[in-house]
Amino acid sequence: MHPPLTLHRHPMCAEIIEQFQKCHVDHPLGKFFGECTDLKIKLDRCFREEKALKRKANFEESKKLKERLRAHRKERLDASLEDKNLAQA
């Protein structure tokens, strides 16, 4: 099963999606007997590649966010320790 075949959500696979949809229109009965199977396999591969790229980009973005959070927490900890030192002095 594949995700909904919306072109705007899968720009990387748009050409294959259009070919696959055209195959279904051109072969209304043949689609049930393997007429469009090659395009379906190409589409599945394209979706896998697209997902892998998105996953990698999301992972890189999360690493940046975690680093920013660590830096922010360190600043807040340093500031609170500084406040305690001033209060004790």
PDB file of N, CA and C in Angstrom:
ATOM      1  N   MET A   1       0.846  -1.179   0.000  1.00  0.00           N
ATOM      2  CA  MET A   1       0.000   0.000   0.000  1.00  0.00           C
ATOM      3  C   MET A   1       0.887   1.237   0.000  1.00  0.00           C
ATOM      4  N   HIS A   2       0.520   2.221  -0.758  1.00  0.00           N
ATOM      5  CA  HIS A   2       1.301   3.447  -0.836  1.00  0.00           C
ATOM      6  C   HIS A   2       0.521   4.595  -0.212  1.00  0.00           C
ATOM      7  N   PRO A   3       1.192   5.678   0.124  1.00  0.00           N
ATOM      8  CA  PRO A   3       0.495   6.844   0.674  1.00  0.00           C
ATOM      9  C   PRO A   3      -0.356   7.492  -0.416  1.00  0.00           C
ATOM     10  N   PRO A   4      -1.221   8.428  -0.043  1.00  0.00           N
ATOM     11  CA  PRO A   4      -2.031   9.110  -1.060  1.00  0.00           C
ATOM     12  C   PRO A   4      -1.133   9.726  -2.135  1.00  0.00           C
ATOM     13  N   LEU A   5      -1.547   9.601  -3.369  1.00  0.00           N
ATOM     14  CA  LEU A   5      -0.728  10.045  -4.489  1.00  0.00           C
ATOM     15  C   LEU A   5      -0.982  11.513  -4.814  1.00  0.00           C
ATOM     16  N   THR A   6      -0.632  12.377  -3.889  1.00  0.00           N
ATOM     17  CA  THR A   6      -0.773  13.813  -4.112  1.00  0.00           C
ATOM     18  C   THR A   6       0.575  14.362  -4.562  1.00  0.00           C
ATOM     19  N   LEU A   7       0.554  15.079  -5.658  1.00  0.00           N
ATOM     20  CA  LEU A   7       1.797  15.566  -6.259  1.00  0.00           C
ATOM     21  C   LEU A   7       2.506  16.588  -5.379  1.00  0.00           C
ATOM     22  N   HIS A   8       1.755  17.441  -4.709  1.00  0.00           N
ATOM     23  CA  HIS A   8       2.388  18.483  -3.900  1.00  0.00           C
ATOM     24  C   HIS A   8       3.097  17.928  -2.663  1.00  0.00           C
ATOM     25  N   ARG A   9       2.688  16.755  -2.195  1.00  0.00           N
ATOM     26  CA  ARG A   9       3.333  16.163  -1.023  1.00  0.00           C
ATOM     27  C   ARG A   9       4.535  15.307  -1.391  1.00  0.00           C
ATOM     28  N   HIS A  10       4.637  14.934  -2.665  1.00  0.00           N
ATOM     29  CA  HIS A  10       5.735  14.077  -3.116  1.00  0.00           C
ATOM     30  C   HIS A  10       6.357  14.645  -4.389  1.00  0.00           C
ATOM     31  N   PRO A  11       6.979  15.816  -4.287  1.00  0.00           N
ATOM     32  CA  PRO A  11       7.538  16.437  -5.502  1.00  0.00           C
ATOM     33  C   PRO A  11       8.646  15.601  -6.140  1.00  0.00           C
ATOM     34  N   MET A  12       9.357  14.836  -5.334  1.00  0.00           N
ATOM     35  CA  MET A  12      10.443  14.028  -5.856  1.00  0.00           C
ATOM     36  C   MET A  12       9.925  12.893  -6.755  1.00  0.00           C
ATOM     37  N   CYS A  13       8.715  12.444  -6.495  1.00  0.00           N
ATOM     38  CA  CYS A  13       8.145  11.301  -7.212  1.00  0.00           C
ATOM     39  C   CYS A  13       7.003  11.712  -8.149  1.00  0.00           C
ATOM     40  N   ALA A  14       6.859  12.989  -8.417  1.00  0.00           N
ATOM     41  CA  ALA A  14       5.710  13.489  -9.181  1.00  0.00           C
ATOM     42  C   ALA A  14       5.600  12.854 -10.561  1.00  0.00           C
ATOM     43  N   GLU A  15       6.708  12.713 -11.243  1.00  0.00           N
ATOM     44  CA  GLU A  15       6.671  12.164 -12.601  1.00  0.00           C
ATOM     45  C   GLU A  15       6.184  10.712 -12.597  1.00  0.00           C
ATOM     46  N   ILE A  16       6.671   9.935 -11.663  1.00  0.00           N
ATOM     47  CA  ILE A  16       6.273   8.531 -11.575  1.00  0.00           C
ATOM     48  C   ILE A  16       4.802   8.420 -11.165  1.00  0.00           C
ATOM     49  N   ILE A  17       4.362   9.288 -10.272  1.00  0.00           N
ATOM     50  CA  ILE A  17       2.957   9.288  -9.851  1.00  0.00           C
ATOM     51  C   ILE A  17       2.058   9.540 -11.055  1.00  0.00           C
ATOM     52  N   GLU A  18       2.420  10.532 -11.872  1.00  0.00           N
ATOM     53  CA  GLU A  18       1.613  10.842 -13.053  1.00  0.00           C
ATOM     54  C   GLU A  18       1.579   9.658 -14.022  1.00  0.00           C
ATOM     55  N   GLN A  19       2.721   9.012 -14.233  1.00  0.00           N
ATOM     56  CA  GLN A  19       2.768   7.843 -15.116  1.00  0.00           C
ATOM     57  C   GLN A  19       1.901   6.707 -14.569  1.00  0.00           C
ATOM     58  N   PHE A  20       1.974   6.502 -13.265  1.00  0.00           N
ATOM     59  CA  PHE A  20       1.206   5.436 -12.615  1.00  0.00           C
ATOM     60  C   PHE A  20      -0.297   5.703 -12.737  1.00  0.00           C
ATOM     61  N   GLN A  21      -0.706   6.942 -12.486  1.00  0.00           N
ATOM     62  CA  GLN A  21      -2.117   7.291 -12.599  1.00  0.00           C
ATOM     63  C   GLN A  21      -2.594   7.167 -14.050  1.00  0.00           C
ATOM     64  N   LYS A  22      -1.749   7.556 -15.008  1.00  0.00           N
ATOM     65  CA  LYS A  22      -2.093   7.438 -16.423  1.00  0.00           C
ATOM     66  C   LYS A  22      -2.238   5.965 -16.801  1.00  0.00           C
ATOM     67  N   CYS A  23      -1.367   5.122 -16.278  1.00  0.00           N
ATOM     68  CA  CYS A  23      -1.448   3.687 -16.549  1.00  0.00           C
ATOM     69  C   CYS A  23      -2.786   3.129 -16.055  1.00  0.00           C
ATOM     70  N   HIS A  24      -3.218   3.563 -14.886  1.00  0.00           N
ATOM     71  CA  HIS A  24      -4.495   3.095 -14.349  1.00  0.00           C
ATOM     72  C   HIS A  24      -5.657   3.554 -15.211  1.00  0.00           C
ATOM     73  N   VAL A  25      -5.572   4.771 -15.751  1.00  0.00           N
ATOM     74  CA  VAL A  25      -6.630   5.285 -16.622  1.00  0.00           C
ATOM     75  C   VAL A  25      -6.611   4.545 -17.963  1.00  0.00           C
ATOM     76  N   ASP A  26      -5.430   4.340 -18.511  1.00  0.00           N
ATOM     77  CA  ASP A  26      -5.299   3.691 -19.820  1.00  0.00           C
ATOM     78  C   ASP A  26      -5.642   2.202 -19.790  1.00  0.00           C
ATOM     79  N   HIS A  27      -5.460   1.563 -18.655  1.00  0.00           N
ATOM     80  CA  HIS A  27      -5.679   0.109 -18.537  1.00  0.00           C
ATOM     81  C   HIS A  27      -6.597  -0.188 -17.347  1.00  0.00           C
ATOM     82  N   PRO A  28      -7.892   0.128 -17.495  1.00  0.00           N
ATOM     83  CA  PRO A  28      -8.801  -0.033 -16.350  1.00  0.00           C
ATOM     84  C   PRO A  28      -8.907  -1.471 -15.841  1.00  0.00           C
ATOM     85  N   LEU A  29      -8.805  -2.449 -16.712  1.00  0.00           N
ATOM     86  CA  LEU A  29      -8.837  -3.841 -16.255  1.00  0.00           C
ATOM     87  C   LEU A  29      -7.432  -4.419 -16.109  1.00  0.00           C
ATOM     88  N   GLY A  30      -6.537  -3.968 -16.955  1.00  0.00           N
ATOM     89  CA  GLY A  30      -5.162  -4.463 -16.921  1.00  0.00           C
ATOM     90  C   GLY A  30      -4.448  -4.145 -15.627  1.00  0.00           C
ATOM     91  N   LYS A  31      -4.874  -3.068 -14.952  1.00  0.00           N
ATOM     92  CA  LYS A  31      -4.228  -2.705 -13.685  1.00  0.00           C
ATOM     93  C   LYS A  31      -4.407  -3.804 -12.635  1.00  0.00           C
ATOM     94  N   PHE A  32      -5.464  -4.595 -12.788  1.00  0.00           N
ATOM     95  CA  PHE A  32      -5.693  -5.691 -11.846  1.00  0.00           C
ATOM     96  C   PHE A  32      -4.873  -6.930 -12.176  1.00  0.00           C
ATOM     97  N   PHE A  33      -4.308  -6.953 -13.379  1.00  0.00           N
ATOM     98  CA  PHE A  33      -3.565  -8.133 -13.824  1.00  0.00           C
ATOM     99  C   PHE A  33      -2.089  -7.834 -14.076  1.00  0.00           C
ATOM    100  N   GLY A  34      -1.562  -6.805 -13.422  1.00  0.00           N
ATOM    101  CA  GLY A  34      -0.131  -6.552 -13.459  1.00  0.00           C
ATOM    102  C   GLY A  34       0.351  -5.615 -14.548  1.00  0.00           C
ATOM    103  N   GLU A  35      -0.559  -4.937 -15.218  1.00  0.00           N
ATOM    104  CA  GLU A  35      -0.164  -4.030 -16.303  1.00  0.00           C
ATOM    105  C   GLU A  35       0.692  -2.872 -15.783  1.00  0.00           C
ATOM    106  N   CYS A  36       0.429  -2.426 -14.581  1.00  0.00           N
ATOM    107  CA  CYS A  36       1.117  -1.247 -14.022  1.00  0.00           C
ATOM    108  C   CYS A  36       2.096  -1.606 -12.908  1.00  0.00           C
ATOM    109  N   THR A  37       2.435  -2.860 -12.778  1.00  0.00           N
ATOM    110  CA  THR A  37       3.273  -3.326 -11.672  1.00  0.00           C
ATOM    111  C   THR A  37       4.669  -2.710 -11.699  1.00  0.00           C
ATOM    112  N   ASP A  38       5.254  -2.577 -12.884  1.00  0.00           N
ATOM    113  CA  ASP A  38       6.602  -1.988 -12.964  1.00  0.00           C
ATOM    114  C   ASP A  38       6.607  -0.555 -12.436  1.00  0.00           C
ATOM    115  N   LEU A  39       5.573   0.204 -12.786  1.00  0.00           N
ATOM    116  CA  LEU A  39       5.486   1.579 -12.284  1.00  0.00           C
ATOM    117  C   LEU A  39       5.249   1.593 -10.777  1.00  0.00           C
ATOM    118  N   LYS A  40       4.488   0.643 -10.283  1.00  0.00           N
ATOM    119  CA  LYS A  40       4.232   0.553  -8.846  1.00  0.00           C
ATOM    120  C   LYS A  40       5.527   0.286  -8.096  1.00  0.00           C
ATOM    121  N   ILE A  41       6.361  -0.574  -8.639  1.00  0.00           N
ATOM    122  CA  ILE A  41       7.650  -0.878  -8.009  1.00  0.00           C
ATOM    123  C   ILE A  41       8.535   0.364  -8.014  1.00  0.00           C
ATOM    124  N   LYS A  42       8.574   1.086  -9.136  1.00  0.00           N
ATOM    125  CA  LYS A  42       9.352   2.333  -9.207  1.00  0.00           C
ATOM    126  C   LYS A  42       8.837   3.349  -8.193  1.00  0.00           C
ATOM    127  N   LEU A  43       7.515   3.435  -8.079  1.00  0.00           N
ATOM    128  CA  LEU A  43       6.901   4.379  -7.147  1.00  0.00           C
ATOM    129  C   LEU A  43       7.256   4.035  -5.707  1.00  0.00           C
ATOM    130  N   ASP A  44       7.195   2.760  -5.366  1.00  0.00           N
ATOM    131  CA  ASP A  44       7.568   2.336  -4.011  1.00  0.00           C
ATOM    132  C   ASP A  44       9.024   2.670  -3.694  1.00  0.00           C
ATOM    133  N   ARG A  45       9.901   2.438  -4.655  1.00  0.00           N
ATOM    134  CA  ARG A  45      11.326   2.776  -4.460  1.00  0.00           C
ATOM    135  C   ARG A  45      11.503   4.272  -4.266  1.00  0.00           C
ATOM    136  N   CYS A  46      10.803   5.043  -5.078  1.00  0.00           N
ATOM    137  CA  CYS A  46      10.909   6.501  -4.970  1.00  0.00           C
ATOM    138  C   CYS A  46      10.418   6.978  -3.598  1.00  0.00           C
ATOM    139  N   PHE A  47       9.298   6.423  -3.135  1.00  0.00           N
ATOM    140  CA  PHE A  47       8.786   6.800  -1.814  1.00  0.00           C
ATOM    141  C   PHE A  47       9.786   6.435  -0.716  1.00  0.00           C
ATOM    142  N   ARG A  48      10.438   5.286  -0.843  1.00  0.00           N
ATOM    143  CA  ARG A  48      11.446   4.895   0.151  1.00  0.00           C
ATOM    144  C   ARG A  48      12.617   5.871   0.167  1.00  0.00           C
ATOM    145  N   GLU A  49      13.085   6.243  -1.033  1.00  0.00           N
ATOM    146  CA  GLU A  49      14.196   7.207  -1.121  1.00  0.00           C
ATOM    147  C   GLU A  49      13.789   8.555  -0.538  1.00  0.00           C
ATOM    148  N   GLU A  50      12.598   8.986  -0.874  1.00  0.00           N
ATOM    149  CA  GLU A  50      12.098  10.259  -0.369  1.00  0.00           C
ATOM    150  C   GLU A  50      12.009  10.241   1.157  1.00  0.00           C
ATOM    151  N   LYS A  51      11.505   9.152   1.702  1.00  0.00           N
ATOM    152  CA  LYS A  51      11.387   9.024   3.154  1.00  0.00           C
ATOM    153  C   LYS A  51      12.760   9.022   3.824  1.00  0.00           C
ATOM    154  N   ALA A  52      13.714   8.346   3.206  1.00  0.00           N
ATOM    155  CA  ALA A  52      15.068   8.303   3.770  1.00  0.00           C
ATOM    156  C   ALA A  52      15.687   9.700   3.796  1.00  0.00           C
ATOM    157  N   LEU A  53      15.484  10.463   2.733  1.00  0.00           N
ATOM    158  CA  LEU A  53      16.013  11.830   2.702  1.00  0.00           C
ATOM    159  C   LEU A  53      15.358  12.706   3.761  1.00  0.00           C
ATOM    160  N   LYS A  54      14.051  12.573   3.912  1.00  0.00           N
ATOM    161  CA  LYS A  54      13.344  13.353   4.933  1.00  0.00           C
ATOM    162  C   LYS A  54      13.809  12.961   6.334  1.00  0.00           C
ATOM    163  N   ARG A  55      13.987  11.642   6.536  1.00  0.00           N
ATOM    164  CA  ARG A  55      14.432  11.160   7.838  1.00  0.00           C
ATOM    165  C   ARG A  55      15.810  11.728   8.177  1.00  0.00           C
ATOM    166  N   LYS A  56      16.712  11.735   7.185  1.00  0.00           N
ATOM    167  CA  LYS A  56      18.058  12.259   7.407  1.00  0.00           C
ATOM    168  C   LYS A  56      18.013  13.753   7.718  1.00  0.00           C
ATOM    169  N   ALA A  57      17.203  14.501   6.976  1.00  0.00           N
ATOM    170  CA  ALA A  57      17.088  15.948   7.217  1.00  0.00           C
ATOM    171  C   ALA A  57      16.503  16.219   8.599  1.00  0.00           C
ATOM    172  N   ASN A  58      15.494  15.459   8.993  1.00  0.00           N
ATOM    173  CA  ASN A  58      14.899  15.630  10.320  1.00  0.00           C
ATOM    174  C   ASN A  58      15.905  15.301  11.419  1.00  0.00           C
ATOM    175  N   PHE A  59      16.714  14.277  11.201  1.00  0.00           N
ATOM    176  CA  PHE A  59      17.720  13.907  12.192  1.00  0.00           C
ATOM    177  C   PHE A  59      18.752  15.023  12.357  1.00  0.00           C
ATOM    178  N   GLU A  60      19.206  15.581  11.238  1.00  0.00           N
ATOM    179  CA  GLU A  60      20.172  16.682  11.303  1.00  0.00           C
ATOM    180  C   GLU A  60      19.566  17.888  12.016  1.00  0.00           C
ATOM    181  N   GLU A  61      18.314  18.173  11.718  1.00  0.00           N
ATOM    182  CA  GLU A  61      17.633  19.296  12.371  1.00  0.00           C
ATOM    183  C   GLU A  61      17.500  19.052  13.871  1.00  0.00           C
ATOM    184  N   SER A  62      17.208  17.822  14.264  1.00  0.00           N
ATOM    185  CA  SER A  62      17.068  17.520  15.690  1.00  0.00           C
ATOM    186  C   SER A  62      18.410  17.639  16.412  1.00  0.00           C
ATOM    187  N   LYS A  63      19.506  17.272  15.725  1.00  0.00           N
ATOM    188  CA  LYS A  63      20.831  17.430  16.349  1.00  0.00           C
ATOM    189  C   LYS A  63      21.116  18.910  16.607  1.00  0.00           C
ATOM    190  N   LYS A  64      20.779  19.767  15.656  1.00  0.00           N
ATOM    191  CA  LYS A  64      20.985  21.205  15.842  1.00  0.00           C
ATOM    192  C   LYS A  64      20.139  21.728  17.001  1.00  0.00           C
ATOM    193  N   LEU A  65      18.899  21.280  17.060  1.00  0.00           N
ATOM    194  CA  LEU A  65      18.007  21.733  18.127  1.00  0.00           C
ATOM    195  C   LEU A  65      18.516  21.274  19.486  1.00  0.00           C
ATOM    196  N   LYS A  66      18.955  20.023  19.581  1.00  0.00           N
ATOM    197  CA  LYS A  66      19.480  19.520  20.853  1.00  0.00           C
ATOM    198  C   LYS A  66      20.705  20.310  21.294  1.00  0.00           C
ATOM    199  N   GLU A  67      21.561  20.668  20.350  1.00  0.00           N
ATOM    200  CA  GLU A  67      22.753  21.451  20.690  1.00  0.00           C
ATOM    201  C   GLU A  67      22.360  22.839  21.200  1.00  0.00           C
ATOM    202  N   ARG A  68      21.376  23.442  20.537  1.00  0.00           N
ATOM    203  CA  ARG A  68      20.908  24.758  21.000  1.00  0.00           C
ATOM    204  C   ARG A  68      20.312  24.662  22.398  1.00  0.00           C
ATOM    205  N   LEU A  69      19.548  23.595  22.657  1.00  0.00           N
ATOM    206  CA  LEU A  69      18.963  23.410  23.986  1.00  0.00           C
ATOM    207  C   LEU A  69      20.042  23.200  25.044  1.00  0.00           C
ATOM    208  N   ARG A  70      21.058  22.420  24.720  1.00  0.00           N
ATOM    209  CA  ARG A  70      22.163  22.218  25.669  1.00  0.00           C
ATOM    210  C   ARG A  70      22.843  23.543  26.006  1.00  0.00           C
ATOM    211  N   ALA A  71      23.107  24.343  24.979  1.00  0.00           N
ATOM    212  CA  ALA A  71      23.758  25.631  25.197  1.00  0.00           C
ATOM    213  C   ALA A  71      22.880  26.536  26.051  1.00  0.00           C
ATOM    214  N   HIS A  72      21.570  26.536  25.786  1.00  0.00           N
ATOM    215  CA  HIS A  72      20.649  27.377  26.560  1.00  0.00           C
ATOM    216  C   HIS A  72      20.599  26.919  28.023  1.00  0.00           C
ATOM    217  N   ARG A  73      20.526  25.601  28.233  1.00  0.00           N
ATOM    218  CA  ARG A  73      20.507  25.082  29.606  1.00  0.00           C
ATOM    219  C   ARG A  73      21.806  25.421  30.340  1.00  0.00           C
ATOM    220  N   LYS A  74      22.923  25.316  29.631  1.00  0.00           N
ATOM    221  CA  LYS A  74      24.221  25.637  30.256  1.00  0.00           C
ATOM    222  C   LYS A  74      24.260  27.108  30.651  1.00  0.00           C
ATOM    223  N   GLU A  75      23.770  27.986  29.785  1.00  0.00           N
ATOM    224  CA  GLU A  75      23.735  29.415  30.103  1.00  0.00           C
ATOM    225  C   GLU A  75      22.878  29.670  31.332  1.00  0.00           C
ATOM    226  N   ARG A  76      21.712  29.028  31.385  1.00  0.00           N
ATOM    227  CA  ARG A  76      20.815  29.225  32.530  1.00  0.00           C
ATOM    228  C   ARG A  76      21.437  28.682  33.807  1.00  0.00           C
ATOM    229  N   LEU A  77      22.108  27.530  33.728  1.00  0.00           N
ATOM    230  CA  LEU A  77      22.760  26.959  34.900  1.00  0.00           C
ATOM    231  C   LEU A  77      23.884  27.868  35.376  1.00  0.00           C
ATOM    232  N   ASP A  78      24.690  28.355  34.429  1.00  0.00           N
ATOM    233  CA  ASP A  78      25.776  29.271  34.792  1.00  0.00           C
ATOM    234  C   ASP A  78      25.229  30.541  35.430  1.00  0.00           C
ATOM    235  N   ALA A  79      24.144  31.052  34.890  1.00  0.00           N
ATOM    236  CA  ALA A  79      23.544  32.273  35.431  1.00  0.00           C
ATOM    237  C   ALA A  79      23.002  32.026  36.837  1.00  0.00           C
ATOM    238  N   SER A  80      22.365  30.890  37.062  1.00  0.00           N
ATOM    239  CA  SER A  80      21.816  30.611  38.393  1.00  0.00           C
ATOM    240  C   SER A  80      22.938  30.388  39.408  1.00  0.00           C
ATOM    241  N   LEU A  81      24.033  29.740  38.992  1.00  0.00           N
ATOM    242  CA  LEU A  81      25.172  29.567  39.895  1.00  0.00           C
ATOM    243  C   LEU A  81      25.809  30.909  40.219  1.00  0.00           C
ATOM    244  N   GLU A  82      25.860  31.785  39.244  1.00  0.00           N
ATOM    245  CA  GLU A  82      26.421  33.114  39.462  1.00  0.00           C
ATOM    246  C   GLU A  82      25.556  33.903  40.449  1.00  0.00           C
ATOM    247  N   ASP A  83      24.229  33.775  40.297  1.00  0.00           N
ATOM    248  CA  ASP A  83      23.293  34.456  41.213  1.00  0.00           C
ATOM    249  C   ASP A  83      23.474  33.938  42.627  1.00  0.00           C
ATOM    250  N   LYS A  84      23.657  32.630  42.799  1.00  0.00           N
ATOM    251  CA  LYS A  84      23.849  32.053  44.132  1.00  0.00           C
ATOM    252  C   LYS A  84      25.139  32.546  44.747  1.00  0.00           C
ATOM    253  N   ASN A  85      26.207  32.619  43.912  1.00  0.00           N
ATOM    254  CA  ASN A  85      27.490  33.097  44.413  1.00  0.00           C
ATOM    255  C   ASN A  85      27.400  34.549  44.865  1.00  0.00           C
ATOM    256  N   LEU A  86      26.671  35.371  44.137  1.00  0.00           N
ATOM    257  CA  LEU A  86      26.492  36.787  44.519  1.00  0.00           C
ATOM    258  C   LEU A  86      25.668  36.904  45.792  1.00  0.00           C
ATOM    259  N   ALA A  87      24.669  36.036  45.957  1.00  0.00           N
ATOM    260  CA  ALA A  87      23.812  36.074  47.150  1.00  0.00           C
ATOM    261  C   ALA A  87      24.612  35.632  48.382  1.00  0.00           C
ATOM    262  N   GLN A  88      25.537  34.706  48.241  1.00  0.00           N
ATOM    263  CA  GLN A  88      26.319  34.219  49.372  1.00  0.00           C
ATOM    264  C   GLN A  88      27.383  35.213  49.763  1.00  0.00           C
ATOM    265  N   ALA A  89      27.850  36.052  48.846  1.00  0.00           N
ATOM    266  CA  ALA A  89      28.953  36.959  49.121  1.00  0.00           C
ATOM    267  C   ALA A  89      28.536  38.161  49.884  1.00  0.00           C
TER     268      ALA A  89
END
